Amino acid sequence: MTDKEVKAPKIEFPVTDYPVKVISDTGVGNKDKILDIVRKHAKINDNRVDERSSTNGKYTTIQLHIVATGQDQLYDINSELRATGFVHMVL
């Protein structure tokens, strides 16, 4: 590896307070759908769920914290959220 190549940091699972940020279209019931999808794959810390709307109200950001158990789990959450059609980004 050269100096210009950078490796992503390795995450050591489980992570009990893993942050997930979901950016989606604003819509009735979208937050509940997002939380239902994430709950299928992980335990959510319900005390750490925040929701914010964009300035023009077109988009909503939901930040939550989960118990992350592995890379496959994170991939499954991302894939299922993106498949909804109203989720634009999962960070």
N, C-alpha and C. Protein backbone atom coordinates (compact mmCIF):
# COMPACT_ATOMS: atom_id res chain seq x y z
N MET A 1 0.84 -1.17 0.00
CA MET A 1 0.00 0.00 0.00
C MET A 1 0.89 1.24 0.00
N THR A 2 0.54 2.21 -0.83
CA THR A 2 1.30 3.45 -0.89
C THR A 2 0.74 4.45 0.11
N ASP A 3 1.46 5.56 0.27
CA ASP A 3 1.00 6.60 1.20
C ASP A 3 -0.33 7.20 0.78
N LYS A 4 -0.64 7.18 -0.52
CA LYS A 4 -1.86 7.80 -1.01
C LYS A 4 -3.08 6.90 -0.86
N GLU A 5 -2.88 5.61 -0.66
CA GLU A 5 -3.99 4.69 -0.46
C GLU A 5 -4.39 4.71 1.02
N VAL A 6 -5.67 4.77 1.25
CA VAL A 6 -6.16 4.81 2.63
C VAL A 6 -7.13 3.66 2.83
N LYS A 7 -6.92 2.92 3.89
CA LYS A 7 -7.84 1.83 4.22
C LYS A 7 -8.92 2.37 5.15
N ALA A 8 -10.14 1.89 4.95
CA ALA A 8 -11.23 2.27 5.84
C ALA A 8 -10.96 1.67 7.22
N PRO A 9 -11.28 2.40 8.28
CA PRO A 9 -11.05 1.84 9.61
C PRO A 9 -11.93 0.62 9.83
N LYS A 10 -11.38 -0.37 10.48
CA LYS A 10 -12.12 -1.60 10.76
C LYS A 10 -13.00 -1.39 11.98
N ILE A 11 -14.26 -1.75 11.84
CA ILE A 11 -15.20 -1.64 12.94
C ILE A 11 -15.20 -2.96 13.70
N GLU A 12 -15.09 -2.89 14.99
CA GLU A 12 -15.14 -4.11 15.81
C GLU A 12 -16.54 -4.26 16.37
N PHE A 13 -17.23 -5.30 15.92
CA PHE A 13 -18.61 -5.56 16.32
C PHE A 13 -18.63 -6.46 17.53
N PRO A 14 -19.66 -6.37 18.37
CA PRO A 14 -20.82 -5.49 18.27
C PRO A 14 -20.50 -4.07 18.72
N VAL A 15 -21.28 -3.12 18.18
CA VAL A 15 -21.20 -1.72 18.57
C VAL A 15 -22.56 -1.37 19.17
N THR A 16 -22.58 -1.01 20.44
CA THR A 16 -23.87 -0.83 21.14
C THR A 16 -24.53 0.52 20.87
N ASP A 17 -23.81 1.48 20.30
CA ASP A 17 -24.37 2.80 20.07
C ASP A 17 -23.95 3.30 18.68
N TYR A 18 -24.31 2.55 17.65
CA TYR A 18 -23.91 2.85 16.27
C TYR A 18 -24.88 3.85 15.66
N PRO A 19 -24.39 5.02 15.21
CA PRO A 19 -25.29 6.03 14.66
C PRO A 19 -25.67 5.72 13.21
N VAL A 20 -26.94 5.93 12.88
CA VAL A 20 -27.44 5.77 11.52
C VAL A 20 -28.24 7.02 11.19
N LYS A 21 -27.96 7.61 10.03
CA LYS A 21 -28.69 8.79 9.59
C LYS A 21 -29.37 8.44 8.27
N VAL A 22 -30.67 8.69 8.21
CA VAL A 22 -31.48 8.36 7.03
C VAL A 22 -32.07 9.65 6.48
N ILE A 23 -31.80 9.94 5.21
CA ILE A 23 -32.33 11.12 4.55
C ILE A 23 -33.38 10.66 3.55
N SER A 24 -34.61 11.16 3.74
CA SER A 24 -35.72 10.69 2.91
C SER A 24 -36.62 11.85 2.51
N ASP A 25 -37.54 11.55 1.59
CA ASP A 25 -38.58 12.51 1.27
C ASP A 25 -39.46 12.67 2.50
N THR A 26 -40.00 13.87 2.69
CA THR A 26 -40.95 14.10 3.76
C THR A 26 -42.29 13.51 3.35
N GLY A 27 -42.89 12.74 4.21
CA GLY A 27 -44.18 12.15 3.89
C GLY A 27 -44.82 11.54 5.12
N VAL A 28 -46.12 11.49 5.11
CA VAL A 28 -46.86 10.92 6.23
C VAL A 28 -46.53 9.44 6.34
N GLY A 29 -46.10 9.03 7.53
CA GLY A 29 -45.80 7.63 7.78
C GLY A 29 -44.40 7.18 7.40
N ASN A 30 -43.61 8.04 6.75
CA ASN A 30 -42.27 7.62 6.34
C ASN A 30 -41.37 7.30 7.53
N LYS A 31 -41.46 8.10 8.59
CA LYS A 31 -40.63 7.84 9.78
C LYS A 31 -40.97 6.47 10.36
N ASP A 32 -42.25 6.16 10.48
CA ASP A 32 -42.65 4.86 11.03
C ASP A 32 -42.17 3.71 10.16
N LYS A 33 -42.23 3.88 8.83
CA LYS A 33 -41.75 2.84 7.91
C LYS A 33 -40.26 2.63 8.07
N ILE A 34 -39.52 3.74 8.20
CA ILE A 34 -38.07 3.64 8.38
C ILE A 34 -37.75 2.91 9.68
N LEU A 35 -38.40 3.30 10.76
CA LEU A 35 -38.13 2.65 12.05
C LEU A 35 -38.53 1.17 12.03
N ASP A 36 -39.63 0.83 11.36
CA ASP A 36 -40.03 -0.58 11.25
C ASP A 36 -38.98 -1.41 10.51
N ILE A 37 -38.44 -0.84 9.43
CA ILE A 37 -37.41 -1.56 8.66
C ILE A 37 -36.16 -1.77 9.52
N VAL A 38 -35.71 -0.72 10.18
CA VAL A 38 -34.51 -0.84 11.00
C VAL A 38 -34.73 -1.82 12.15
N ARG A 39 -35.92 -1.79 12.76
CA ARG A 39 -36.22 -2.70 13.88
C ARG A 39 -36.21 -4.17 13.45
N LYS A 40 -36.47 -4.45 12.18
CA LYS A 40 -36.39 -5.83 11.70
C LYS A 40 -34.98 -6.38 11.79
N HIS A 41 -34.00 -5.47 11.75
CA HIS A 41 -32.60 -5.89 11.68
C HIS A 41 -31.79 -5.58 12.94
N ALA A 42 -32.27 -4.63 13.76
CA ALA A 42 -31.45 -4.19 14.89
C ALA A 42 -32.31 -3.62 16.01
N LYS A 43 -31.73 -3.61 17.20
CA LYS A 43 -32.37 -2.97 18.35
C LYS A 43 -32.05 -1.48 18.27
N ILE A 44 -33.10 -0.64 18.37
CA ILE A 44 -32.95 0.81 18.32
C ILE A 44 -33.01 1.37 19.73
N ASN A 45 -32.14 2.32 20.02
CA ASN A 45 -32.21 3.07 21.27
C ASN A 45 -33.28 4.14 21.08
N ASP A 46 -34.49 3.89 21.56
CA ASP A 46 -35.62 4.80 21.35
C ASP A 46 -35.42 6.18 21.97
N ASN A 47 -34.50 6.29 22.92
CA ASN A 47 -34.20 7.58 23.54
C ASN A 47 -33.32 8.46 22.65
N ARG A 48 -32.79 7.86 21.59
CA ARG A 48 -31.86 8.61 20.73
C ARG A 48 -32.33 8.61 19.29
N VAL A 49 -33.59 8.92 19.06
CA VAL A 49 -34.15 9.05 17.71
C VAL A 49 -34.50 10.52 17.52
N ASP A 50 -33.86 11.15 16.54
CA ASP A 50 -34.09 12.56 16.27
C ASP A 50 -34.58 12.73 14.84
N GLU A 51 -35.46 13.69 14.64
CA GLU A 51 -36.02 13.96 13.32
C GLU A 51 -35.91 15.45 13.03
N ARG A 52 -35.43 15.78 11.81
CA ARG A 52 -35.34 17.18 11.39
C ARG A 52 -35.80 17.29 9.95
N SER A 53 -36.45 18.39 9.64
CA SER A 53 -36.88 18.66 8.28
C SER A 53 -35.92 19.64 7.63
N SER A 54 -35.79 19.55 6.31
CA SER A 54 -34.97 20.50 5.58
C SER A 54 -35.64 21.87 5.61
N THR A 55 -34.92 22.88 5.22
CA THR A 55 -35.43 24.25 5.25
C THR A 55 -36.73 24.39 4.47
N ASN A 56 -36.78 23.76 3.29
CA ASN A 56 -37.99 23.88 2.46
C ASN A 56 -39.02 22.79 2.76
N GLY A 57 -38.69 21.87 3.67
CA GLY A 57 -39.64 20.82 4.07
C GLY A 57 -39.74 19.65 3.12
N LYS A 58 -38.91 19.63 2.08
CA LYS A 58 -38.98 18.54 1.10
C LYS A 58 -38.37 17.25 1.63
N TYR A 59 -37.32 17.37 2.46
CA TYR A 59 -36.62 16.20 2.97
C TYR A 59 -36.67 16.15 4.49
N THR A 60 -36.57 14.94 5.02
CA THR A 60 -36.52 14.71 6.46
C THR A 60 -35.29 13.85 6.77
N THR A 61 -34.58 14.23 7.81
CA THR A 61 -33.45 13.44 8.27
C THR A 61 -33.82 12.81 9.60
N ILE A 62 -33.63 11.50 9.68
CA ILE A 62 -33.87 10.78 10.92
C ILE A 62 -32.53 10.21 11.36
N GLN A 63 -32.11 10.59 12.56
CA GLN A 63 -30.88 10.04 13.11
C GLN A 63 -31.26 9.15 14.28
N LEU A 64 -30.72 7.94 14.27
CA LEU A 64 -31.00 6.99 15.34
C LEU A 64 -29.74 6.22 15.68
N HIS A 65 -29.79 5.52 16.78
CA HIS A 65 -28.65 4.73 17.24
C HIS A 65 -29.11 3.29 17.44
N ILE A 66 -28.32 2.36 16.90
CA ILE A 66 -28.67 0.94 16.96
C ILE A 66 -27.56 0.14 17.60
N VAL A 67 -27.88 -1.12 17.89
CA VAL A 67 -26.86 -2.09 18.27
C VAL A 67 -26.45 -2.78 16.97
N ALA A 68 -25.26 -2.48 16.50
CA ALA A 68 -24.76 -3.06 15.24
C ALA A 68 -24.00 -4.34 15.54
N THR A 69 -24.39 -5.41 14.86
CA THR A 69 -23.78 -6.71 15.13
C THR A 69 -22.83 -7.18 14.04
N GLY A 70 -22.86 -6.54 12.87
CA GLY A 70 -21.97 -6.95 11.81
C GLY A 70 -22.20 -6.19 10.52
N GLN A 71 -21.26 -6.34 9.60
CA GLN A 71 -21.32 -5.66 8.31
C GLN A 71 -22.54 -6.09 7.50
N ASP A 72 -22.88 -7.38 7.55
CA ASP A 72 -24.05 -7.87 6.80
C ASP A 72 -25.33 -7.20 7.29
N GLN A 73 -25.46 -7.02 8.59
CA GLN A 73 -26.63 -6.35 9.16
C GLN A 73 -26.74 -4.92 8.62
N LEU A 74 -25.64 -4.19 8.61
CA LEU A 74 -25.65 -2.81 8.13
C LEU A 74 -25.99 -2.76 6.64
N TYR A 75 -25.48 -3.71 5.88
CA TYR A 75 -25.79 -3.79 4.45
C TYR A 75 -27.29 -4.05 4.24
N ASP A 76 -27.84 -4.97 5.01
CA ASP A 76 -29.27 -5.30 4.89
C ASP A 76 -30.16 -4.10 5.22
N ILE A 77 -29.80 -3.36 6.27
CA ILE A 77 -30.56 -2.17 6.64
C ILE A 77 -30.51 -1.15 5.50
N ASN A 78 -29.31 -0.89 5.00
CA ASN A 78 -29.14 0.06 3.91
C ASN A 78 -29.93 -0.36 2.67
N SER A 79 -29.82 -1.61 2.29
CA SER A 79 -30.50 -2.09 1.08
C SER A 79 -32.01 -1.98 1.19
N GLU A 80 -32.56 -2.39 2.33
CA GLU A 80 -34.01 -2.36 2.48
C GLU A 80 -34.54 -0.93 2.56
N LEU A 81 -33.80 -0.04 3.21
CA LEU A 81 -34.23 1.35 3.27
C LEU A 81 -34.18 1.99 1.89
N ARG A 82 -33.12 1.74 1.14
CA ARG A 82 -32.99 2.34 -0.20
C ARG A 82 -34.06 1.79 -1.16
N ALA A 83 -34.52 0.57 -0.94
CA ALA A 83 -35.53 -0.04 -1.80
C ALA A 83 -36.90 0.58 -1.63
N THR A 84 -37.12 1.39 -0.59
CA THR A 84 -38.44 2.00 -0.37
C THR A 84 -38.80 2.99 -1.46
N GLY A 85 -37.79 3.60 -2.08
CA GLY A 85 -38.06 4.59 -3.10
C GLY A 85 -38.13 6.01 -2.56
N PHE A 86 -38.35 6.16 -1.25
CA PHE A 86 -38.40 7.52 -0.68
C PHE A 86 -37.16 7.83 0.16
N VAL A 87 -36.31 6.83 0.40
CA VAL A 87 -35.05 7.07 1.12
C VAL A 87 -33.96 7.36 0.09
N HIS A 88 -33.26 8.47 0.28
CA HIS A 88 -32.23 8.89 -0.67
C HIS A 88 -30.83 8.52 -0.21
N MET A 89 -30.58 8.59 1.09
CA MET A 89 -29.25 8.28 1.62
C MET A 89 -29.35 7.64 2.99
N VAL A 90 -28.42 6.71 3.24
CA VAL A 90 -28.27 6.12 4.56
C VAL A 90 -26.80 6.27 4.92
N LEU A 91 -26.54 6.99 5.99
CA LEU A 91 -25.16 7.24 6.42
C LEU A 91 -24.91 6.61 7.77
